[in-house]
Structures are given as structure tokens and as C-alpha cells.
Amino acid sequence: MDMRKMLGRNVQRIRQEKRLTQEQLAEISGFSQQYISGLEKGRRNPTIVTIYEIASALEVSHMDLVRPDDQE
């Protein structure tokens, strides 16, 4: 299980469910659009603080971002 890819898929899915663009999520979260893109592609290795900040910006629990998805 690649946690980075799973987390990225969860972030992308939740972001899209909330009808947010990467740019909008970047503005809300304080991270750059490039960082959000890399995160969604599984290329970033976020800290627990980053996971918490992204979850807060998406208005979900941090557990929603690290929960295994149906592709695992």
C-alpha cells in the first residue's frame, strides 16, 4: 500500500466532491497549487501537520484523508 498515493486520491476525491479546484484548495489551505497537485499525484510526503491543515481546509477529519480507499 502506497500511503502517498492513497492520501492523494482521497484529497482529490474529497476536493472534487466539494467542487473545489486545486487553486481554490490552495488558497483556503495556504499551500501552493503546485504542492496540492504533487500531493494528489502521490509525489509529496506530507507531515501529520500538513495532513491536518489540508483536512481542515476541506472540512473533513484527517482520518478521511488516510483511510484506505476502494483502490487498495
N, C-alpha and C. Protein backbone atom coordinates (compact mmCIF):
# COMPACT_ATOMS: atom_id res chain seq x y z
N MET A 1 0.85 -1.18 0.00
CA MET A 1 0.00 0.00 0.00
C MET A 1 0.90 1.24 0.00
N ASP A 2 0.74 2.08 -0.98
CA ASP A 2 1.48 3.33 -1.06
C ASP A 2 0.62 4.42 -0.42
N MET A 3 0.99 4.79 0.78
CA MET A 3 0.21 5.77 1.54
C MET A 3 0.14 7.12 0.85
N ARG A 4 1.21 7.52 0.17
CA ARG A 4 1.20 8.82 -0.51
C ARG A 4 0.15 8.84 -1.63
N LYS A 5 0.08 7.76 -2.40
CA LYS A 5 -0.90 7.71 -3.49
C LYS A 5 -2.32 7.63 -2.95
N MET A 6 -2.51 6.84 -1.90
CA MET A 6 -3.83 6.71 -1.30
C MET A 6 -4.30 8.06 -0.75
N LEU A 7 -3.43 8.74 -0.03
CA LEU A 7 -3.75 10.05 0.51
C LEU A 7 -4.08 11.02 -0.62
N GLY A 8 -3.30 10.98 -1.68
CA GLY A 8 -3.53 11.85 -2.83
C GLY A 8 -4.88 11.61 -3.47
N ARG A 9 -5.23 10.34 -3.64
CA ARG A 9 -6.55 10.02 -4.22
C ARG A 9 -7.67 10.53 -3.33
N ASN A 10 -7.51 10.37 -2.02
CA ASN A 10 -8.53 10.85 -1.08
C ASN A 10 -8.67 12.36 -1.13
N VAL A 11 -7.55 13.07 -1.16
CA VAL A 11 -7.60 14.53 -1.23
C VAL A 11 -8.30 14.95 -2.52
N GLN A 12 -7.92 14.35 -3.64
CA GLN A 12 -8.53 14.71 -4.91
C GLN A 12 -10.02 14.40 -4.92
N ARG A 13 -10.40 13.23 -4.44
CA ARG A 13 -11.82 12.84 -4.43
C ARG A 13 -12.64 13.81 -3.59
N ILE A 14 -12.17 14.10 -2.38
CA ILE A 14 -12.92 14.99 -1.49
C ILE A 14 -12.96 16.40 -2.06
N ARG A 15 -11.85 16.86 -2.60
CA ARG A 15 -11.81 18.20 -3.21
C ARG A 15 -12.84 18.29 -4.34
N GLN A 16 -12.88 17.28 -5.18
CA GLN A 16 -13.83 17.28 -6.30
C GLN A 16 -15.27 17.17 -5.83
N GLU A 17 -15.50 16.37 -4.79
CA GLU A 17 -16.85 16.27 -4.22
C GLU A 17 -17.34 17.62 -3.71
N LYS A 18 -16.41 18.41 -3.21
CA LYS A 18 -16.75 19.74 -2.69
C LYS A 18 -16.70 20.81 -3.79
N ARG A 19 -16.46 20.35 -5.03
CA ARG A 19 -16.44 21.22 -6.20
C ARG A 19 -15.42 22.35 -6.06
N LEU A 20 -14.24 21.99 -5.56
CA LEU A 20 -13.15 22.94 -5.43
C LEU A 20 -12.09 22.64 -6.49
N THR A 21 -11.48 23.67 -7.01
CA THR A 21 -10.33 23.48 -7.88
C THR A 21 -9.09 23.36 -7.00
N GLN A 22 -8.00 22.92 -7.60
CA GLN A 22 -6.75 22.89 -6.85
C GLN A 22 -6.37 24.30 -6.39
N GLU A 23 -6.62 25.27 -7.23
CA GLU A 23 -6.30 26.66 -6.88
C GLU A 23 -7.12 27.13 -5.68
N GLN A 24 -8.39 26.76 -5.64
CA GLN A 24 -9.23 27.15 -4.51
C GLN A 24 -8.77 26.47 -3.23
N LEU A 25 -8.44 25.18 -3.32
CA LEU A 25 -7.95 24.48 -2.14
C LEU A 25 -6.63 25.09 -1.68
N ALA A 26 -5.79 25.46 -2.61
CA ALA A 26 -4.51 26.09 -2.26
C ALA A 26 -4.76 27.39 -1.50
N GLU A 27 -5.69 28.18 -1.99
CA GLU A 27 -5.99 29.45 -1.33
C GLU A 27 -6.53 29.24 0.08
N ILE A 28 -7.42 28.29 0.23
CA ILE A 28 -8.03 28.01 1.54
C ILE A 28 -7.00 27.44 2.51
N SER A 29 -6.15 26.54 2.02
CA SER A 29 -5.22 25.82 2.89
C SER A 29 -3.92 26.56 3.16
N GLY A 30 -3.55 27.47 2.26
CA GLY A 30 -2.27 28.16 2.43
C GLY A 30 -1.11 27.48 1.73
N PHE A 31 -1.37 26.35 1.10
CA PHE A 31 -0.34 25.66 0.32
C PHE A 31 -0.44 26.12 -1.12
N SER A 32 0.63 25.92 -1.88
CA SER A 32 0.60 26.32 -3.29
C SER A 32 -0.19 25.32 -4.12
N GLN A 33 -0.65 25.77 -5.28
CA GLN A 33 -1.35 24.87 -6.19
C GLN A 33 -0.41 23.76 -6.63
N GLN A 34 0.86 24.06 -6.81
CA GLN A 34 1.84 23.04 -7.20
C GLN A 34 1.98 21.98 -6.11
N TYR A 35 1.93 22.40 -4.85
CA TYR A 35 2.01 21.44 -3.75
C TYR A 35 0.78 20.54 -3.75
N ILE A 36 -0.40 21.13 -3.90
CA ILE A 36 -1.65 20.35 -3.93
C ILE A 36 -1.60 19.35 -5.07
N SER A 37 -1.15 19.79 -6.24
CA SER A 37 -1.04 18.90 -7.40
C SER A 37 -0.10 17.73 -7.10
N GLY A 38 1.06 18.02 -6.55
CA GLY A 38 2.01 16.96 -6.20
C GLY A 38 1.47 16.02 -5.15
N LEU A 39 0.72 16.56 -4.20
CA LEU A 39 0.10 15.75 -3.16
C LEU A 39 -0.91 14.78 -3.77
N GLU A 40 -1.75 15.30 -4.65
CA GLU A 40 -2.78 14.46 -5.29
C GLU A 40 -2.17 13.39 -6.18
N LYS A 41 -1.01 13.65 -6.73
CA LYS A 41 -0.33 12.66 -7.58
C LYS A 41 0.50 11.67 -6.78
N GLY A 42 0.54 11.84 -5.46
CA GLY A 42 1.31 10.93 -4.62
C GLY A 42 2.80 11.19 -4.65
N ARG A 43 3.19 12.38 -5.04
CA ARG A 43 4.61 12.73 -5.14
C ARG A 43 5.14 13.45 -3.91
N ARG A 44 4.26 13.80 -3.00
CA ARG A 44 4.67 14.51 -1.78
C ARG A 44 4.58 13.57 -0.59
N ASN A 45 5.39 13.83 0.39
CA ASN A 45 5.38 13.06 1.62
C ASN A 45 5.00 14.01 2.76
N PRO A 46 3.69 14.26 2.92
CA PRO A 46 3.25 15.29 3.87
C PRO A 46 3.45 14.88 5.32
N THR A 47 3.68 15.90 6.15
CA THR A 47 3.76 15.67 7.59
C THR A 47 2.34 15.53 8.14
N ILE A 48 2.25 15.10 9.37
CA ILE A 48 0.94 15.00 10.01
C ILE A 48 0.30 16.38 10.15
N VAL A 49 1.11 17.41 10.33
CA VAL A 49 0.59 18.77 10.41
C VAL A 49 -0.02 19.18 9.06
N THR A 50 0.66 18.84 7.97
CA THR A 50 0.14 19.14 6.63
C THR A 50 -1.17 18.42 6.39
N ILE A 51 -1.23 17.15 6.76
CA ILE A 51 -2.47 16.37 6.60
C ILE A 51 -3.60 17.04 7.38
N TYR A 52 -3.31 17.47 8.59
CA TYR A 52 -4.32 18.14 9.41
C TYR A 52 -4.77 19.44 8.76
N GLU A 53 -3.84 20.24 8.23
CA GLU A 53 -4.19 21.51 7.60
C GLU A 53 -5.03 21.30 6.34
N ILE A 54 -4.68 20.31 5.54
CA ILE A 54 -5.46 20.01 4.33
C ILE A 54 -6.87 19.54 4.72
N ALA A 55 -6.94 18.67 5.72
CA ALA A 55 -8.25 18.18 6.18
C ALA A 55 -9.10 19.34 6.69
N SER A 56 -8.50 20.23 7.44
CA SER A 56 -9.23 21.40 7.96
C SER A 56 -9.75 22.26 6.81
N ALA A 57 -8.92 22.47 5.80
CA ALA A 57 -9.33 23.26 4.64
C ALA A 57 -10.49 22.60 3.90
N LEU A 58 -10.49 21.27 3.87
CA LEU A 58 -11.56 20.52 3.20
C LEU A 58 -12.76 20.29 4.11
N GLU A 59 -12.64 20.68 5.37
CA GLU A 59 -13.69 20.50 6.37
C GLU A 59 -14.06 19.03 6.55
N VAL A 60 -13.02 18.19 6.66
CA VAL A 60 -13.19 16.77 6.94
C VAL A 60 -12.21 16.38 8.04
N SER A 61 -12.36 15.19 8.57
CA SER A 61 -11.42 14.66 9.55
C SER A 61 -10.12 14.27 8.85
N HIS A 62 -9.02 14.42 9.55
CA HIS A 62 -7.75 13.96 8.99
C HIS A 62 -7.79 12.46 8.69
N MET A 63 -8.63 11.73 9.41
CA MET A 63 -8.77 10.29 9.18
C MET A 63 -9.38 10.01 7.81
N ASP A 64 -10.19 10.92 7.30
CA ASP A 64 -10.77 10.74 5.96
C ASP A 64 -9.70 10.76 4.89
N LEU A 65 -8.59 11.42 5.15
CA LEU A 65 -7.52 11.52 4.16
C LEU A 65 -6.60 10.29 4.17
N VAL A 66 -6.54 9.60 5.29
CA VAL A 66 -5.63 8.45 5.39
C VAL A 66 -6.36 7.11 5.41
N ARG A 67 -7.68 7.16 5.29
CA ARG A 67 -8.47 5.93 5.25
C ARG A 67 -8.28 5.22 3.92
N PRO A 68 -8.03 3.91 3.92
CA PRO A 68 -7.89 3.18 2.64
C PRO A 68 -9.11 3.36 1.76
N ASP A 69 -8.85 3.54 0.47
CA ASP A 69 -9.95 3.72 -0.47
C ASP A 69 -10.21 2.43 -1.22
N ASP A 70 -11.15 2.46 -2.13
CA ASP A 70 -11.54 1.23 -2.84
C ASP A 70 -10.50 0.77 -3.83
N GLN A 71 -9.45 1.53 -4.07
CA GLN A 71 -8.41 1.11 -5.00
C GLN A 71 -7.30 0.33 -4.30
N GLU A 72 -7.40 0.21 -2.99
CA GLU A 72 -6.39 -0.54 -2.22
C GLU A 72 -6.80 -1.99 -2.07
